[in-house]
C-alpha atoms as a PDB file:
ATOM      1  CA  MET A   1      -6.414  -0.534  -7.884  1.00  0.00           C
ATOM      2  CA  ASP A   2      -3.692  -2.178  -9.908  1.00  0.00           C
ATOM      3  CA  PRO A   3      -5.029  -5.057 -12.064  1.00  0.00           C
ATOM      4  CA  GLY A   4      -1.694  -6.813 -11.582  1.00  0.00           C
ATOM      5  CA  ASP A   5      -2.523  -7.206  -7.875  1.00  0.00           C
ATOM      6  CA  TRP A   6      -5.487  -9.452  -8.691  1.00  0.00           C
ATOM      7  CA  PRO A   7      -5.543 -12.896 -10.309  1.00  0.00           C
ATOM      8  CA  GLY A   8      -8.447 -13.478 -12.704  1.00  0.00           C
ATOM      9  CA  ASN A   9     -10.266 -10.946 -14.897  1.00  0.00           C
ATOM     10  CA  LEU A  10     -10.932  -7.327 -13.943  1.00  0.00           C
ATOM     11  CA  GLY A  11     -13.347  -5.113 -15.906  1.00  0.00           C
ATOM     12  CA  ALA A  12     -14.525  -1.540 -15.358  1.00  0.00           C
ATOM     13  CA  GLY A  13     -17.647   0.442 -16.199  1.00  0.00           C
ATOM     14  CA  LEU A  14     -18.716   4.079 -15.932  1.00  0.00           C
ATOM     15  CA  LEU A  15     -22.134   5.489 -15.034  1.00  0.00           C
ATOM     16  CA  PRO A  16     -22.402   8.639 -17.181  1.00  0.00           C
ATOM     17  CA  ALA A  17     -24.778  11.494 -16.411  1.00  0.00           C
ATOM     18  CA  PRO A  18     -26.554  13.498 -19.144  1.00  0.00           C
ATOM     19  CA  ASP A  19     -24.273  16.502 -18.447  1.00  0.00           C
ATOM     20  CA  GLY A  20     -21.152  14.426 -19.152  1.00  0.00           C
ATOM     21  CA  SER A  21     -20.113  14.022 -15.541  1.00  0.00           C
ATOM     22  CA  CYS A  22     -19.302  10.626 -14.115  1.00  0.00           C
ATOM     23  CA  GLN A  23     -21.957   9.411 -11.691  1.00  0.00           C
ATOM     24  CA  GLY A  24     -19.960   6.376 -10.682  1.00  0.00           C
ATOM     25  CA  VAL A  25     -17.317   3.834 -11.535  1.00  0.00           C
ATOM     26  CA  PHE A  26     -17.688   0.155 -10.872  1.00  0.00           C
ATOM     27  CA  LEU A  27     -15.189  -2.661 -11.171  1.00  0.00           C
ATOM     28  CA  ARG A  28     -16.238  -6.233 -11.873  1.00  0.00           C
ATOM     29  CA  TYR A  29     -13.783  -8.840 -10.734  1.00  0.00           C
ATOM     30  CA  ASP A  30     -14.050 -12.392 -12.059  1.00  0.00           C
ATOM     31  CA  LEU A  31     -12.034 -14.911 -10.103  1.00  0.00           C
ATOM     32  CA  PHE A  32     -14.019 -17.856 -11.419  1.00  0.00           C
ATOM     33  CA  GLY A  33     -12.590 -17.916 -14.960  1.00  0.00           C
ATOM     34  CA  GLY A  34     -15.626 -16.711 -16.894  1.00  0.00           C
ATOM     35  CA  ARG A  35     -18.275 -18.325 -14.680  1.00  0.00           C
ATOM     36  CA  GLY A  36     -19.470 -15.037 -13.207  1.00  0.00           C
ATOM     37  CA  PRO A  37     -18.060 -12.253 -11.094  1.00  0.00           C
ATOM     38  CA  ALA A  38     -16.739 -12.854  -7.626  1.00  0.00           C
ATOM     39  CA  MET A  39     -16.895  -9.192  -6.691  1.00  0.00           C
ATOM     40  CA  VAL A  40     -18.285  -5.816  -7.767  1.00  0.00           C
ATOM     41  CA  ILE A  41     -16.640  -2.667  -6.374  1.00  0.00           C
ATOM     42  CA  GLY A  42     -18.434   0.650  -6.830  1.00  0.00           C
ATOM     43  CA  ASN A  43     -17.251   4.221  -6.413  1.00  0.00           C
ATOM     44  CA  LEU A  44     -20.238   6.584  -6.359  1.00  0.00           C
ATOM     45  CA  PRO A  45     -19.744  10.329  -5.842  1.00  0.00           C
ATOM     46  CA  GLU A  46     -22.086  12.459  -3.769  1.00  0.00           C
ATOM     47  CA  GLY A  47     -25.247  13.186  -5.766  1.00  0.00           C
ATOM     48  CA  SER A  48     -25.081  10.013  -7.860  1.00  0.00           C
ATOM     49  CA  PRO A  49     -28.609   8.629  -8.369  1.00  0.00           C
ATOM     50  CA  ALA A  50     -27.217   5.114  -7.847  1.00  0.00           C
ATOM     51  CA  ARG A  51     -26.669   6.039  -4.175  1.00  0.00           C
ATOM     52  CA  ASP A  52     -30.368   6.721  -3.631  1.00  0.00           C
ATOM     53  CA  VAL A  53     -31.779   3.472  -2.255  1.00  0.00           C
ATOM     54  CA  ALA A  54     -34.454   2.758   0.345  1.00  0.00           C
ATOM     55  CA  VAL A  55     -33.375   1.667   3.840  1.00  0.00           C
ATOM     56  CA  ASP A  56     -33.820  -2.068   3.247  1.00  0.00           C
ATOM     57  CA  GLU A  57     -32.917  -1.983  -0.470  1.00  0.00           C
ATOM     58  CA  VAL A  58     -29.569  -3.433  -1.570  1.00  0.00           C
ATOM     59  CA  PRO A  59     -26.857  -1.130  -2.913  1.00  0.00           C
ATOM     60  CA  PHE A  60     -26.348  -0.724  -6.667  1.00  0.00           C
ATOM     61  CA  GLU A  61     -23.297  -2.996  -6.575  1.00  0.00           C
ATOM     62  CA  VAL A  62     -25.222  -5.895  -5.011  1.00  0.00           C
ATOM     63  CA  ALA A  63     -27.928  -5.508  -7.663  1.00  0.00           C
ATOM     64  CA  GLN A  64     -25.243  -5.558 -10.387  1.00  0.00           C
ATOM     65  CA  LEU A  65     -23.639  -8.655  -8.875  1.00  0.00           C
ATOM     66  CA  LEU A  66     -26.995 -10.479  -8.768  1.00  0.00           C
ATOM     67  CA  LEU A  67     -27.726  -9.415 -12.351  1.00  0.00           C
ATOM     68  CA  ALA A  68     -24.342 -10.661 -13.568  1.00  0.00           C
ATOM     69  CA  LEU A  69     -24.896 -13.977 -11.804  1.00  0.00           C
ATOM     70  CA  GLU A  70     -28.392 -14.208 -13.319  1.00  0.00           C
ATOM     71  CA  ASN A  71     -29.767 -14.573  -9.801  1.00  0.00           C
ATOM     72  CA  GLU A  72     -33.336 -13.220  -9.723  1.00  0.00           C
ATOM     73  CA  GLU A  73     -33.917 -13.885  -6.027  1.00  0.00           C
ATOM     74  CA  GLU A  74     -35.154 -10.853  -4.081  1.00  0.00           C
ATOM     75  CA  VAL A  75     -32.460  -9.734  -1.651  1.00  0.00           C
ATOM     76  CA  THR A  76     -32.857  -7.109   1.077  1.00  0.00           C
ATOM     77  CA  VAL A  77     -30.682  -5.488   3.725  1.00  0.00           C
ATOM     78  CA  VAL A  78     -31.583  -6.949   7.113  1.00  0.00           C
ATOM     79  CA  GLY A  79     -28.988  -5.175   9.263  1.00  0.00           C
ATOM     80  CA  THR A  80     -25.813  -3.075   9.400  1.00  0.00           C
ATOM     81  CA  GLU A  81     -22.777  -2.856  11.648  1.00  0.00           C
ATOM     82  CA  ASP A  82     -20.048  -0.179  11.728  1.00  0.00           C
ATOM     83  CA  VAL A  83     -16.549  -1.629  12.145  1.00  0.00           C
ATOM     84  CA  PRO A  84     -13.232   0.277  12.482  1.00  0.00           C
ATOM     85  CA  VAL A  85     -10.539  -0.950  10.056  1.00  0.00           C
ATOM     86  CA  MET A  86      -6.954   0.287   9.727  1.00  0.00           C
ATOM     87  CA  GLN A  87      -5.776   1.021   6.165  1.00  0.00           C
ATOM     88  CA  GLY A  88      -2.120   1.917   6.470  1.00  0.00           C
ATOM     89  CA  ASP A  89      -2.036   4.837   8.903  1.00  0.00           C
ATOM     90  CA  ASN A  90      -5.678   5.719   8.286  1.00  0.00           C
ATOM     91  CA  LEU A  91      -8.762   4.552  10.133  1.00  0.00           C
ATOM     92  CA  LEU A  92     -11.754   3.566   8.012  1.00  0.00           C
ATOM     93  CA  ILE A  93     -15.210   3.165   9.454  1.00  0.00           C
ATOM     94  CA  VAL A  94     -16.586   0.292   7.392  1.00  0.00           C
ATOM     95  CA  ARG A  95     -20.305  -0.408   7.328  1.00  0.00           C
ATOM     96  CA  ARG A  96     -20.974  -4.130   6.966  1.00  0.00           C
ATOM     97  CA  LEU A  97     -24.373  -4.857   5.479  1.00  0.00           C
ATOM     98  CA  LYS A  98     -26.116  -8.065   6.453  1.00  0.00           C
ATOM     99  CA  LEU A  99     -28.242  -9.274   3.555  1.00  0.00           C
ATOM    100  CA  SER A 100     -31.088 -11.759   3.296  1.00  0.00           C
ATOM    101  CA  GLU A 101     -28.896 -13.762   0.869  1.00  0.00           C
ATOM    102  CA  SER A 102     -26.111 -15.098   3.095  1.00  0.00           C
ATOM    103  CA  ARG A 103     -23.787 -15.893   0.166  1.00  0.00           C
ATOM    104  CA  ILE A 104     -23.319 -12.166  -0.505  1.00  0.00           C
ATOM    105  CA  ALA A 105     -20.897 -10.150   1.616  1.00  0.00           C
ATOM    106  CA  CYS A 106     -21.208  -6.369   1.344  1.00  0.00           C
ATOM    107  CA  VAL A 107     -19.315  -3.472   2.912  1.00  0.00           C
ATOM    108  CA  GLN A 108     -19.376   0.288   2.392  1.00  0.00           C
ATOM    109  CA  PHE A 109     -17.190   3.196   3.427  1.00  0.00           C
ATOM    110  CA  ASP A 110     -16.987   6.896   2.605  1.00  0.00           C
ATOM    111  CA  ARG A 111     -13.805   8.421   1.224  1.00  0.00           C
ATOM    112  CA  SER A 112     -12.676  11.862   2.381  1.00  0.00           C
ATOM    113  CA  ASP A 113     -13.875  13.332  -0.966  1.00  0.00           C
ATOM    114  CA  ASN A 114     -17.454  12.046  -0.369  1.00  0.00           C
ATOM    115  CA  VAL A 115     -17.183   9.107  -2.770  1.00  0.00           C
ATOM    116  CA  LEU A 116     -19.048   6.083  -1.412  1.00  0.00           C
ATOM    117  CA  VAL A 117     -17.137   2.843  -1.964  1.00  0.00           C
ATOM    118  CA  THR A 118     -19.198  -0.357  -1.907  1.00  0.00           C
ATOM    119  CA  ILE A 119     -17.816  -3.867  -2.249  1.00  0.00           C
ATOM    120  CA  ALA A 120     -20.150  -6.777  -2.923  1.00  0.00           C
ATOM    121  CA  ALA A 121     -18.697 -10.295  -3.038  1.00  0.00           C
ATOM    122  CA  TRP A 122     -20.297 -13.593  -3.956  1.00  0.00           C
ATOM    123  CA  ASP A 123     -19.714 -16.642  -1.792  1.00  0.00           C
ATOM    124  CA  ARG A 124     -16.603 -15.342  -0.033  1.00  0.00           C
ATOM    125  CA  PRO A 125     -16.049 -13.081   2.968  1.00  0.00           C
ATOM    126  CA  ILE A 126     -14.603  -9.593   2.665  1.00  0.00           C
ATOM    127  CA  THR A 127     -11.540  -9.482   4.911  1.00  0.00           C
ATOM    128  CA  ASP A 128      -9.472  -6.545   6.140  1.00  0.00           C
ATOM    129  CA  ASP A 129      -6.674  -7.607   3.755  1.00  0.00           C
ATOM    130  CA  LEU A 130      -8.786  -6.478   0.808  1.00  0.00           C
ATOM    131  CA  TYR A 131      -8.624  -2.819   1.856  1.00  0.00           C
ATOM    132  CA  ALA A 132      -4.821  -2.864   1.412  1.00  0.00           C
ATOM    133  CA  LEU A 133      -5.322  -3.681  -2.299  1.00  0.00           C
ATOM    134  CA  LEU A 134      -7.726  -0.791  -2.910  1.00  0.00           C
ATOM    135  CA  LYS A 135      -6.204   2.335  -4.373  1.00  0.00           C
ATOM    136  CA  PRO A 136      -8.430   5.433  -4.555  1.00  0.00           C
ATOM    137  CA  LEU A 137      -9.676   6.583  -7.941  1.00  0.00           C
ATOM    138  CA  PRO A 138      -8.693  10.228  -8.540  1.00  0.00           C
ATOM    139  CA  ALA A 139     -11.385  12.803  -7.721  1.00  0.00           C
ATOM    140  CA  GLU A 140     -10.871  14.356 -11.203  1.00  0.00           C
ATOM    141  CA  LEU A 141     -12.506  11.254 -12.680  1.00  0.00           C
ATOM    142  CA  PHE A 142     -15.871  12.445 -11.361  1.00  0.00           C
ATOM    143  CA  GLN A 143     -15.670  15.946 -12.878  1.00  0.00           C
ATOM    144  CA  THR A 144     -17.811  17.263 -15.761  1.00  0.00           C
ATOM    145  CA  VAL A 145     -16.095  17.164 -19.155  1.00  0.00           C
END
């Protein structure tokens, strides 16, 4: 992801493991000029504890978005739908999560290197155009130091 592709503020965070490996990277995108994030994008490798959620529990990124917005409402996953999306010459199978809070849009897809990408957006839909802006983080980022 190139920060120059996005208007507004873009921040990044790492989820470190005790052994020094990276258990995830998340990006917080603020389109609202300091009034809270519009979107949280997570990249969680296989084995990351942040991927371990119950069936109806929201993904880590949704929880982070709610926390950043200081929204304490309980939100659950009420349904999912798999949707094919073209990204350049590649076909992505995107899982759209339907949440009990209708102002949150959330999608997930697996990369070929088993990194789970989750996008959670507040009060705006996630369209197919967004996938064209995403650039994969290098797999080396998730290696032990």
